[in-house]
């Protein structure tokens, strides 16, 4: 089960044909977004308000994934950034 890293609003929930297959993007405000790709199932829709830990869908093997996995990304002003500091990990 895939859960939201932080609260916000779903800005995209659907197929992304280039790479990630089923993808959910959450806008957290102030230019911050999180993205969750390769889902086998999406359980939210565009415009949904999301709380931290809320279920977004199920991990899967969509897009260019060759095995079940999750692509997790933090973006600031549209650019991917290292998520490790936000997760309390060393980058």
N, C-alpha and C. Protein backbone atom coordinates (compact mmCIF):
# COMPACT_ATOMS: atom_id res chain seq x y z
N UNK A 1 0.84 -1.17 0.00
CA UNK A 1 0.00 0.00 0.00
C UNK A 1 0.90 1.24 0.00
N UNK A 2 0.57 2.20 -0.85
CA UNK A 2 1.34 3.44 -0.95
C UNK A 2 0.58 4.53 -0.22
N UNK A 3 1.29 5.25 0.65
CA UNK A 3 0.68 6.31 1.45
C UNK A 3 1.38 7.64 1.21
N UNK A 4 0.64 8.72 1.39
CA UNK A 4 1.17 10.06 1.16
C UNK A 4 2.22 10.43 2.21
N UNK A 5 3.31 11.01 1.74
CA UNK A 5 4.38 11.44 2.64
C UNK A 5 3.99 12.67 3.44
N UNK A 6 3.08 13.47 2.88
CA UNK A 6 2.65 14.70 3.55
C UNK A 6 1.29 15.11 2.99
N UNK A 7 0.63 16.01 3.68
CA UNK A 7 -0.70 16.45 3.23
C UNK A 7 -0.60 17.40 2.04
N UNK A 8 -1.69 17.50 1.31
CA UNK A 8 -1.74 18.38 0.15
C UNK A 8 -2.96 18.09 -0.69
N UNK A 9 -2.86 18.40 -1.98
CA UNK A 9 -3.95 18.19 -2.93
C UNK A 9 -3.44 17.42 -4.14
N UNK A 10 -4.19 16.41 -4.56
CA UNK A 10 -3.81 15.64 -5.74
C UNK A 10 -3.94 16.52 -6.98
N UNK A 11 -2.84 16.68 -7.72
CA UNK A 11 -2.87 17.46 -8.96
C UNK A 11 -2.84 16.57 -10.19
N UNK A 12 -2.46 15.31 -10.01
CA UNK A 12 -2.47 14.35 -11.12
C UNK A 12 -2.67 12.97 -10.53
N UNK A 13 -3.54 12.19 -11.17
CA UNK A 13 -3.77 10.80 -10.79
C UNK A 13 -4.20 10.06 -12.05
N UNK A 14 -3.27 9.36 -12.67
CA UNK A 14 -3.61 8.67 -13.90
C UNK A 14 -2.39 8.08 -14.58
N UNK A 15 -2.55 7.83 -15.87
CA UNK A 15 -1.48 7.23 -16.67
C UNK A 15 -0.49 8.28 -17.15
N UNK A 16 0.77 7.99 -16.96
CA UNK A 16 1.86 8.81 -17.49
C UNK A 16 2.60 7.87 -18.44
N UNK A 17 2.38 7.99 -19.74
CA UNK A 17 2.82 6.97 -20.70
C UNK A 17 4.32 6.87 -20.94
N UNK A 18 5.08 7.89 -20.60
CA UNK A 18 6.51 7.87 -20.93
C UNK A 18 7.33 6.95 -20.04
N UNK A 19 7.05 6.94 -18.74
CA UNK A 19 7.95 6.23 -17.84
C UNK A 19 7.29 5.59 -16.62
N UNK A 20 6.42 6.33 -15.95
CA UNK A 20 5.95 5.91 -14.64
C UNK A 20 4.65 5.12 -14.63
N UNK A 21 3.99 4.97 -15.76
CA UNK A 21 2.72 4.25 -15.77
C UNK A 21 1.70 5.00 -14.93
N UNK A 22 1.08 4.31 -14.00
CA UNK A 22 0.10 4.96 -13.12
C UNK A 22 0.84 5.82 -12.10
N UNK A 23 0.48 7.10 -12.07
CA UNK A 23 1.23 8.09 -11.29
C UNK A 23 0.28 8.98 -10.50
N UNK A 24 0.68 9.30 -9.27
CA UNK A 24 -0.04 10.28 -8.44
C UNK A 24 0.94 11.39 -8.08
N UNK A 25 0.50 12.63 -8.25
CA UNK A 25 1.30 13.79 -7.84
C UNK A 25 0.48 14.60 -6.85
N UNK A 26 1.11 14.96 -5.74
CA UNK A 26 0.46 15.76 -4.70
C UNK A 26 1.18 17.10 -4.59
N UNK A 27 0.41 18.17 -4.59
CA UNK A 27 0.94 19.52 -4.37
C UNK A 27 0.85 19.81 -2.88
N UNK A 28 2.01 20.13 -2.28
CA UNK A 28 2.07 20.41 -0.84
C UNK A 28 2.15 21.91 -0.54
N UNK A 29 2.11 22.73 -1.58
CA UNK A 29 2.20 24.18 -1.40
C UNK A 29 3.63 24.68 -1.43
N UNK A 30 3.78 25.97 -1.64
CA UNK A 30 5.09 26.63 -1.67
C UNK A 30 6.07 25.98 -2.65
N UNK A 31 5.55 25.46 -3.76
CA UNK A 31 6.40 24.88 -4.79
C UNK A 31 6.79 23.43 -4.57
N UNK A 32 6.32 22.81 -3.50
CA UNK A 32 6.68 21.43 -3.17
C UNK A 32 5.64 20.43 -3.67
N UNK A 33 6.12 19.34 -4.24
CA UNK A 33 5.26 18.25 -4.70
C UNK A 33 5.92 16.92 -4.35
N UNK A 34 5.09 15.88 -4.25
CA UNK A 34 5.61 14.52 -4.18
C UNK A 34 4.94 13.72 -5.28
N UNK A 35 5.70 12.77 -5.83
CA UNK A 35 5.21 11.94 -6.93
C UNK A 35 5.41 10.47 -6.58
N UNK A 36 4.44 9.65 -6.98
CA UNK A 36 4.43 8.22 -6.66
C UNK A 36 4.09 7.48 -7.96
N UNK A 37 5.06 6.77 -8.51
CA UNK A 37 4.86 6.13 -9.81
C UNK A 37 4.95 4.62 -9.78
N UNK A 38 4.56 4.00 -10.88
CA UNK A 38 4.54 2.55 -11.11
C UNK A 38 3.45 1.86 -10.28
N UNK A 39 2.36 2.57 -9.99
CA UNK A 39 1.30 2.00 -9.18
C UNK A 39 0.47 0.98 -9.97
N UNK A 40 0.04 -0.07 -9.31
CA UNK A 40 -0.85 -1.04 -9.96
C UNK A 40 -2.30 -0.57 -9.89
N UNK A 41 -2.58 0.26 -8.87
CA UNK A 41 -3.93 0.78 -8.69
C UNK A 41 -3.85 2.14 -8.01
N UNK A 42 -4.66 3.08 -8.46
CA UNK A 42 -4.75 4.41 -7.86
C UNK A 42 -6.09 4.52 -7.15
N UNK A 43 -6.07 5.00 -5.90
CA UNK A 43 -7.31 5.09 -5.12
C UNK A 43 -7.73 6.52 -4.82
N UNK A 44 -7.08 7.50 -5.46
CA UNK A 44 -7.43 8.91 -5.30
C UNK A 44 -7.68 9.51 -6.68
N UNK A 45 -8.22 10.73 -6.70
CA UNK A 45 -8.44 11.39 -7.98
C UNK A 45 -7.99 12.85 -7.90
N UNK A 46 -7.77 13.45 -9.06
CA UNK A 46 -7.34 14.84 -9.13
C UNK A 46 -8.31 15.71 -8.34
N UNK A 47 -7.73 16.60 -7.53
CA UNK A 47 -8.53 17.51 -6.71
C UNK A 47 -8.78 17.03 -5.30
N UNK A 48 -8.52 15.75 -5.03
CA UNK A 48 -8.74 15.23 -3.67
C UNK A 48 -7.79 15.88 -2.67
N UNK A 49 -8.31 16.32 -1.52
CA UNK A 49 -7.41 16.74 -0.44
C UNK A 49 -6.83 15.47 0.21
N UNK A 50 -5.56 15.51 0.54
CA UNK A 50 -4.86 14.34 1.07
C UNK A 50 -4.24 14.69 2.42
N UNK A 51 -4.32 13.76 3.36
CA UNK A 51 -3.65 13.93 4.64
C UNK A 51 -2.42 13.03 4.69
N UNK A 52 -1.47 13.39 5.53
CA UNK A 52 -0.26 12.59 5.69
C UNK A 52 -0.65 11.15 6.04
N UNK A 53 -0.07 10.20 5.32
CA UNK A 53 -0.33 8.79 5.57
C UNK A 53 -1.54 8.22 4.87
N UNK A 54 -2.29 9.06 4.17
CA UNK A 54 -3.48 8.57 3.48
C UNK A 54 -3.09 7.66 2.32
N UNK A 55 -3.89 6.64 2.11
CA UNK A 55 -3.65 5.68 1.03
C UNK A 55 -3.85 6.34 -0.33
N UNK A 56 -2.86 6.15 -1.21
CA UNK A 56 -2.92 6.68 -2.57
C UNK A 56 -3.15 5.59 -3.60
N UNK A 57 -2.72 4.38 -3.28
CA UNK A 57 -2.86 3.27 -4.22
C UNK A 57 -2.00 2.10 -3.79
N UNK A 58 -1.74 1.23 -4.77
CA UNK A 58 -0.95 0.03 -4.52
C UNK A 58 0.28 0.03 -5.42
N UNK A 59 1.40 -0.43 -4.88
CA UNK A 59 2.63 -0.54 -5.67
C UNK A 59 2.40 -1.55 -6.79
N UNK A 60 3.12 -1.36 -7.87
CA UNK A 60 2.93 -2.27 -8.99
C UNK A 60 4.09 -2.31 -9.95
N UNK A 61 3.77 -2.71 -11.16
CA UNK A 61 4.76 -2.89 -12.21
C UNK A 61 4.27 -2.17 -13.46
N UNK A 62 3.92 -0.91 -13.32
CA UNK A 62 3.41 -0.12 -14.44
C UNK A 62 4.53 0.70 -15.07
N UNK A 63 4.28 1.22 -16.25
CA UNK A 63 5.28 2.03 -16.94
C UNK A 63 6.47 1.18 -17.34
N UNK A 64 7.67 1.72 -17.13
CA UNK A 64 8.87 0.99 -17.55
C UNK A 64 9.44 0.08 -16.45
N UNK A 65 8.70 -0.13 -15.37
CA UNK A 65 9.16 -1.01 -14.29
C UNK A 65 9.19 -2.46 -14.77
N UNK A 66 10.27 -3.17 -14.45
CA UNK A 66 10.36 -4.58 -14.84
C UNK A 66 10.06 -5.52 -13.68
N UNK A 67 9.67 -4.93 -12.55
CA UNK A 67 9.25 -5.69 -11.37
C UNK A 67 8.41 -4.75 -10.51
N UNK A 68 7.64 -5.26 -9.57
CA UNK A 68 6.86 -4.36 -8.71
C UNK A 68 7.79 -3.41 -7.94
N UNK A 69 7.47 -2.13 -8.00
CA UNK A 69 8.29 -1.13 -7.33
C UNK A 69 7.50 0.16 -7.18
N UNK A 70 8.08 1.08 -6.42
CA UNK A 70 7.53 2.43 -6.27
C UNK A 70 8.60 3.42 -6.68
N UNK A 71 8.25 4.35 -7.53
CA UNK A 71 9.13 5.50 -7.80
C UNK A 71 8.59 6.63 -6.94
N UNK A 72 9.39 7.08 -5.97
CA UNK A 72 9.00 8.17 -5.08
C UNK A 72 9.91 9.36 -5.37
N UNK A 73 9.31 10.51 -5.53
CA UNK A 73 10.07 11.70 -5.89
C UNK A 73 9.55 12.90 -5.12
N UNK A 74 10.47 13.74 -4.66
CA UNK A 74 10.13 15.05 -4.10
C UNK A 74 10.57 16.08 -5.12
N UNK A 75 9.69 17.04 -5.40
CA UNK A 75 10.01 18.09 -6.37
C UNK A 75 9.83 19.45 -5.72
N UNK A 76 10.71 20.36 -6.08
CA UNK A 76 10.56 21.75 -5.66
C UNK A 76 10.63 22.62 -6.89
N UNK A 77 9.58 23.41 -7.10
CA UNK A 77 9.46 24.24 -8.30
C UNK A 77 9.68 23.43 -9.57
N UNK A 78 9.15 22.21 -9.57
CA UNK A 78 9.19 21.36 -10.76
C UNK A 78 10.45 20.55 -10.95
N UNK A 79 11.44 20.72 -10.08
CA UNK A 79 12.70 20.00 -10.20
C UNK A 79 12.80 18.94 -9.11
N UNK A 80 13.21 17.74 -9.49
CA UNK A 80 13.39 16.66 -8.52
C UNK A 80 14.54 17.00 -7.57
N UNK A 81 14.33 16.73 -6.28
CA UNK A 81 15.37 16.93 -5.26
C UNK A 81 15.54 15.64 -4.47
N UNK A 82 16.67 15.50 -3.82
CA UNK A 82 16.95 14.32 -3.01
C UNK A 82 15.96 14.25 -1.85
N UNK A 83 15.17 13.17 -1.76
CA UNK A 83 14.18 13.08 -0.68
C UNK A 83 14.77 12.69 0.67
N UNK A 84 16.01 12.22 0.71
CA UNK A 84 16.60 11.70 1.94
C UNK A 84 16.50 12.67 3.12
N UNK A 85 16.85 13.96 2.97
CA UNK A 85 16.75 14.86 4.12
C UNK A 85 15.33 15.01 4.67
N UNK A 86 14.34 14.88 3.81
CA UNK A 86 12.94 15.02 4.24
C UNK A 86 12.45 13.77 4.97
N UNK A 87 13.16 12.67 4.75
CA UNK A 87 12.78 11.40 5.36
C UNK A 87 13.67 11.05 6.55
N UNK A 88 14.54 11.98 6.93
CA UNK A 88 15.43 11.74 8.06
C UNK A 88 16.57 10.80 7.72
N UNK A 89 16.91 10.70 6.44
CA UNK A 89 18.00 9.83 5.99
C UNK A 89 19.18 10.68 5.55
N UNK A 90 20.35 10.08 5.50
CA UNK A 90 21.52 10.77 4.97
C UNK A 90 21.46 10.73 3.46
N UNK A 91 21.66 11.88 2.82
CA UNK A 91 21.59 11.98 1.36
C UNK A 91 22.84 11.57 0.66
